[in-house]
C-alpha cells in the first residue's frame, strides 16, 4: 500500500445511527482495532450507548477505515461524550484520526446542546487530543486493561 496524507486521498465522512449499513461498517472497524488488535473483550467494546450515539464513518478512497462516536452524557446534561475513535492499523499516520476528531467535534458544536466534551483517551494518543484543546483531568486509569486519561474539551 502506498501511504499518502489525508489531503491526497479521497476522504468521505458519513454520520449514522445504530441501525444502518454504515453502522455495521463502523462496528467492523471497532472489532478489528479494539477486539482483535488491542484485546478488548467484545462485551466491553459494545455498550448501551451505541444505539443512541451518532457514529462517524470515515472512508478513504472508498474504503471504510475509521470511525468514532459521540453521545449525550446521561449524567451531565451539558456534556457530550466522544469515544470509540479508531483507525485501521494500515491507515494510521495519515492524519485520519485528526479528521475524525475534528468531525466529531463539529457534530457536537452543530447540536448546540453542550458546553463541554469528555473523552477517556488512551494514554498513547493523549497528545493528539491535546492538539485540539482537550485537557487531562485526574490521574491515569485503566479501562479494559488499557491505560487512559479522562480529558475535557471546553466549547467556546
C-alpha atoms as a PDB file:
ATOM      1  CA  UNK A   1       0.000   0.000   0.000  1.00  0.00           C
ATOM      2  CA  UNK A   2       1.243   3.488  -0.813  1.00  0.00           C
ATOM      3  CA  UNK A   3       0.947   5.744   2.238  1.00  0.00           C
ATOM      4  CA  UNK A   4      -0.475   9.169   1.490  1.00  0.00           C
ATOM      5  CA  UNK A   5      -1.582  12.052   3.668  1.00  0.00           C
ATOM      6  CA  UNK A   6      -5.309  12.524   4.149  1.00  0.00           C
ATOM      7  CA  UNK A   7      -5.113  15.610   1.918  1.00  0.00           C
ATOM      8  CA  UNK A   8      -4.074  13.383  -1.002  1.00  0.00           C
ATOM      9  CA  UNK A   9      -6.838  10.816  -0.502  1.00  0.00           C
ATOM     10  CA  UNK A  10     -10.465  10.950  -1.471  1.00  0.00           C
ATOM     11  CA  UNK A  11     -11.999  11.296   2.004  1.00  0.00           C
ATOM     12  CA  UNK A  12     -15.696  10.811   2.651  1.00  0.00           C
ATOM     13  CA  UNK A  13     -17.320  11.258   6.061  1.00  0.00           C
ATOM     14  CA  UNK A  14     -20.706   9.757   6.834  1.00  0.00           C
ATOM     15  CA  UNK A  15     -22.739  10.027  10.004  1.00  0.00           C
ATOM     16  CA  UNK A  16     -25.007   7.201  11.052  1.00  0.00           C
ATOM     17  CA  UNK A  17     -27.093   5.840  13.893  1.00  0.00           C
ATOM     18  CA  UNK A  18     -27.052   2.377  15.417  1.00  0.00           C
ATOM     19  CA  UNK A  19     -29.084   0.500  12.840  1.00  0.00           C
ATOM     20  CA  UNK A  20     -27.916   1.105   9.267  1.00  0.00           C
ATOM     21  CA  UNK A  21     -25.259  -0.313   6.939  1.00  0.00           C
ATOM     22  CA  UNK A  22     -22.689   2.349   7.815  1.00  0.00           C
ATOM     23  CA  UNK A  23     -23.107   1.480  11.498  1.00  0.00           C
ATOM     24  CA  UNK A  24     -22.270  -2.144  10.656  1.00  0.00           C
ATOM     25  CA  UNK A  25     -19.107  -0.970   8.849  1.00  0.00           C
ATOM     26  CA  UNK A  26     -18.145   1.152  11.859  1.00  0.00           C
ATOM     27  CA  UNK A  27     -18.597  -1.880  14.121  1.00  0.00           C
ATOM     28  CA  UNK A  28     -16.311  -3.930  11.856  1.00  0.00           C
ATOM     29  CA  UNK A  29     -13.570  -1.308  12.237  1.00  0.00           C
ATOM     30  CA  UNK A  30     -14.009  -1.260  16.014  1.00  0.00           C
ATOM     31  CA  UNK A  31     -13.878  -5.066  16.110  1.00  0.00           C
ATOM     32  CA  UNK A  32     -10.570  -5.069  14.212  1.00  0.00           C
ATOM     33  CA  UNK A  33      -8.965  -2.289  16.255  1.00  0.00           C
ATOM     34  CA  UNK A  34     -10.273  -2.816  19.773  1.00  0.00           C
ATOM     35  CA  UNK A  35     -11.124  -6.524  19.994  1.00  0.00           C
ATOM     36  CA  UNK A  36      -8.619  -8.183  17.656  1.00  0.00           C
ATOM     37  CA  UNK A  37      -5.689  -5.756  17.904  1.00  0.00           C
ATOM     38  CA  UNK A  38      -5.998  -4.394  21.454  1.00  0.00           C
ATOM     39  CA  UNK A  39      -7.638  -7.463  23.039  1.00  0.00           C
ATOM     40  CA  UNK A  40     -10.644  -5.612  24.468  1.00  0.00           C
ATOM     41  CA  UNK A  41     -13.346  -8.146  25.388  1.00  0.00           C
ATOM     42  CA  UNK A  42     -16.265  -7.905  22.908  1.00  0.00           C
ATOM     43  CA  UNK A  43     -18.786  -7.400  25.719  1.00  0.00           C
ATOM     44  CA  UNK A  44     -16.849  -4.303  26.867  1.00  0.00           C
ATOM     45  CA  UNK A  45     -16.319  -2.902  23.378  1.00  0.00           C
ATOM     46  CA  UNK A  46     -20.027  -2.666  22.573  1.00  0.00           C
ATOM     47  CA  UNK A  47     -22.291  -0.945  25.061  1.00  0.00           C
ATOM     48  CA  UNK A  48     -25.699   0.587  25.658  1.00  0.00           C
ATOM     49  CA  UNK A  49     -24.593   3.917  24.160  1.00  0.00           C
ATOM     50  CA  UNK A  50     -24.103   2.515  20.646  1.00  0.00           C
ATOM     51  CA  UNK A  51     -27.817   2.628  19.882  1.00  0.00           C
ATOM     52  CA  UNK A  52     -28.271   6.312  20.711  1.00  0.00           C
ATOM     53  CA  UNK A  53     -24.864   7.671  19.664  1.00  0.00           C
ATOM     54  CA  UNK A  54     -24.111   9.491  16.449  1.00  0.00           C
ATOM     55  CA  UNK A  55     -21.400   7.493  14.713  1.00  0.00           C
ATOM     56  CA  UNK A  56     -18.954   8.841  12.154  1.00  0.00           C
ATOM     57  CA  UNK A  57     -17.601   6.577   9.430  1.00  0.00           C
ATOM     58  CA  UNK A  58     -14.519   7.704   7.508  1.00  0.00           C
ATOM     59  CA  UNK A  59     -13.892   6.293   4.047  1.00  0.00           C
ATOM     60  CA  UNK A  60     -10.529   6.778   2.320  1.00  0.00           C
ATOM     61  CA  UNK A  61     -10.576   6.196  -1.416  1.00  0.00           C
ATOM     62  CA  UNK A  62     -13.928   4.452  -0.932  1.00  0.00           C
ATOM     63  CA  UNK A  63     -12.782   2.067   1.819  1.00  0.00           C
ATOM     64  CA  UNK A  64     -14.115   2.244   5.401  1.00  0.00           C
ATOM     65  CA  UNK A  65     -11.006   2.878   7.517  1.00  0.00           C
ATOM     66  CA  UNK A  66     -12.021   4.908  10.579  1.00  0.00           C
ATOM     67  CA  UNK A  67     -14.840   5.562  12.995  1.00  0.00           C
ATOM     68  CA  UNK A  68     -15.820   7.335  16.192  1.00  0.00           C
ATOM     69  CA  UNK A  69     -18.962   8.208  18.097  1.00  0.00           C
ATOM     70  CA  UNK A  70     -20.480  10.964  20.200  1.00  0.00           C
ATOM     71  CA  UNK A  71     -23.492  10.969  22.518  1.00  0.00           C
ATOM     72  CA  UNK A  72     -25.044  12.965  25.344  1.00  0.00           C
ATOM     73  CA  UNK A  73     -23.622  12.044  28.727  1.00  0.00           C
ATOM     74  CA  UNK A  74     -26.534  10.537  30.679  1.00  0.00           C
ATOM     75  CA  UNK A  75     -25.292  12.033  33.968  1.00  0.00           C
ATOM     76  CA  UNK A  76     -24.248  15.529  32.859  1.00  0.00           C
ATOM     77  CA  UNK A  77     -26.703  17.297  30.563  1.00  0.00           C
ATOM     78  CA  UNK A  78     -24.157  19.885  29.386  1.00  0.00           C
ATOM     79  CA  UNK A  79     -21.607  17.231  28.386  1.00  0.00           C
ATOM     80  CA  UNK A  80     -21.114  15.236  25.203  1.00  0.00           C
ATOM     81  CA  UNK A  81     -19.043  12.058  25.340  1.00  0.00           C
ATOM     82  CA  UNK A  82     -16.706  11.321  22.466  1.00  0.00           C
ATOM     83  CA  UNK A  83     -15.244   7.862  22.078  1.00  0.00           C
ATOM     84  CA  UNK A  84     -14.515   4.634  20.237  1.00  0.00           C
ATOM     85  CA  UNK A  85     -12.284   6.590  17.844  1.00  0.00           C
ATOM     86  CA  UNK A  86     -10.469   4.014  15.721  1.00  0.00           C
ATOM     87  CA  UNK A  87      -8.419   3.963  12.526  1.00  0.00           C
ATOM     88  CA  UNK A  88      -7.342   0.711  10.902  1.00  0.00           C
ATOM     89  CA  UNK A  89      -3.653  -0.006  11.520  1.00  0.00           C
ATOM     90  CA  UNK A  90      -2.581   0.304   7.883  1.00  0.00           C
ATOM     91  CA  UNK A  91      -4.112   3.802   7.683  1.00  0.00           C
ATOM     92  CA  UNK A  92      -2.533   5.266  10.822  1.00  0.00           C
ATOM     93  CA  UNK A  93      -0.028   8.078  10.484  1.00  0.00           C
ATOM     94  CA  UNK A  94      -2.021   9.678   7.659  1.00  0.00           C
ATOM     95  CA  UNK A  95      -3.815  12.268   9.840  1.00  0.00           C
ATOM     96  CA  UNK A  96      -7.136  10.425   9.569  1.00  0.00           C
ATOM     97  CA  UNK A  97      -7.538  10.401  13.356  1.00  0.00           C
ATOM     98  CA  UNK A  98      -7.396  14.193  13.240  1.00  0.00           C
ATOM     99  CA  UNK A  99     -10.099  14.225  10.575  1.00  0.00           C
ATOM    100  CA  UNK A 100     -12.298  12.001  12.758  1.00  0.00           C
ATOM    101  CA  UNK A 101     -11.832  14.093  15.897  1.00  0.00           C
ATOM    102  CA  UNK A 102     -12.496  17.347  14.031  1.00  0.00           C
ATOM    103  CA  UNK A 103     -15.654  15.854  12.516  1.00  0.00           C
ATOM    104  CA  UNK A 104     -16.923  14.576  15.868  1.00  0.00           C
ATOM    105  CA  UNK A 105     -16.310  17.974  17.477  1.00  0.00           C
ATOM    106  CA  UNK A 106     -18.221  19.641  14.633  1.00  0.00           C
ATOM    107  CA  UNK A 107     -21.166  17.301  15.285  1.00  0.00           C
ATOM    108  CA  UNK A 108     -21.154  18.386  18.928  1.00  0.00           C
ATOM    109  CA  UNK A 109     -20.953  22.075  18.028  1.00  0.00           C
ATOM    110  CA  UNK A 110     -23.741  21.779  15.437  1.00  0.00           C
ATOM    111  CA  UNK A 111     -26.069  20.357  18.063  1.00  0.00           C
ATOM    112  CA  UNK A 112     -25.741  23.499  20.179  1.00  0.00           C
ATOM    113  CA  UNK A 113     -26.627  21.445  23.272  1.00  0.00           C
ATOM    114  CA  UNK A 114     -23.321  21.111  25.084  1.00  0.00           C
ATOM    115  CA  UNK A 115     -20.724  23.257  26.836  1.00  0.00           C
ATOM    116  CA  UNK A 116     -18.033  20.582  27.009  1.00  0.00           C
ATOM    117  CA  UNK A 117     -16.860  17.269  25.595  1.00  0.00           C
ATOM    118  CA  UNK A 118     -15.440  14.410  27.672  1.00  0.00           C
ATOM    119  CA  UNK A 119     -13.325  11.514  26.456  1.00  0.00           C
ATOM    120  CA  UNK A 120     -11.473   8.617  28.042  1.00  0.00           C
ATOM    121  CA  UNK A 121      -8.389   8.856  25.826  1.00  0.00           C
ATOM    122  CA  UNK A 122      -5.883   6.050  25.608  1.00  0.00           C
ATOM    123  CA  UNK A 123      -2.608   7.324  27.052  1.00  0.00           C
ATOM    124  CA  UNK A 124      -0.840   6.653  23.741  1.00  0.00           C
ATOM    125  CA  UNK A 125      -2.983   9.280  21.962  1.00  0.00           C
ATOM    126  CA  UNK A 126      -3.388  11.926  24.679  1.00  0.00           C
ATOM    127  CA  UNK A 127      -1.183  14.344  22.709  1.00  0.00           C
ATOM    128  CA  UNK A 128      -3.434  14.036  19.664  1.00  0.00           C
ATOM    129  CA  UNK A 129      -6.440  15.173  21.696  1.00  0.00           C
ATOM    130  CA  UNK A 130      -4.377  17.888  23.404  1.00  0.00           C
ATOM    131  CA  UNK A 131      -3.725  19.437  19.964  1.00  0.00           C
ATOM    132  CA  UNK A 132      -7.471  20.015  19.702  1.00  0.00           C
ATOM    133  CA  UNK A 133      -7.613  21.678  23.117  1.00  0.00           C
ATOM    134  CA  UNK A 134      -8.571  18.703  25.297  1.00  0.00           C
ATOM    135  CA  UNK A 135      -7.045  18.849  28.781  1.00  0.00           C
ATOM    136  CA  UNK A 136      -6.225  15.938  31.076  1.00  0.00           C
ATOM    137  CA  UNK A 137      -8.298  15.622  34.236  1.00  0.00           C
ATOM    138  CA  UNK A 138      -7.037  13.496  37.113  1.00  0.00           C
ATOM    139  CA  UNK A 139      -4.695  10.549  37.107  1.00  0.00           C
ATOM    140  CA  UNK A 140      -4.112   7.780  34.606  1.00  0.00           C
ATOM    141  CA  UNK A 141      -6.523   4.847  34.971  1.00  0.00           C
ATOM    142  CA  UNK A 142      -7.100   1.517  33.264  1.00  0.00           C
ATOM    143  CA  UNK A 143     -10.149   0.627  31.209  1.00  0.00           C
ATOM    144  CA  UNK A 144     -10.347  -2.791  29.529  1.00  0.00           C
ATOM    145  CA  UNK A 145      -6.702  -3.295  30.505  1.00  0.00           C
ATOM    146  CA  UNK A 146      -5.536  -0.186  28.600  1.00  0.00           C
ATOM    147  CA  UNK A 147      -4.109   2.989  30.197  1.00  0.00           C
ATOM    148  CA  UNK A 148      -6.352   6.061  29.776  1.00  0.00           C
ATOM    149  CA  UNK A 149      -6.754   9.651  30.904  1.00  0.00           C
ATOM    150  CA  UNK A 150     -10.048  11.462  31.195  1.00  0.00           C
ATOM    151  CA  UNK A 151      -9.863  14.595  29.065  1.00  0.00           C
ATOM    152  CA  UNK A 152     -12.203  17.576  28.767  1.00  0.00           C
ATOM    153  CA  UNK A 153     -12.712  19.983  25.880  1.00  0.00           C
ATOM    154  CA  UNK A 154     -14.492  23.239  26.741  1.00  0.00           C
ATOM    155  CA  UNK A 155     -16.666  24.564  23.934  1.00  0.00           C
ATOM    156  CA  UNK A 156     -16.292  28.276  23.399  1.00  0.00           C
END
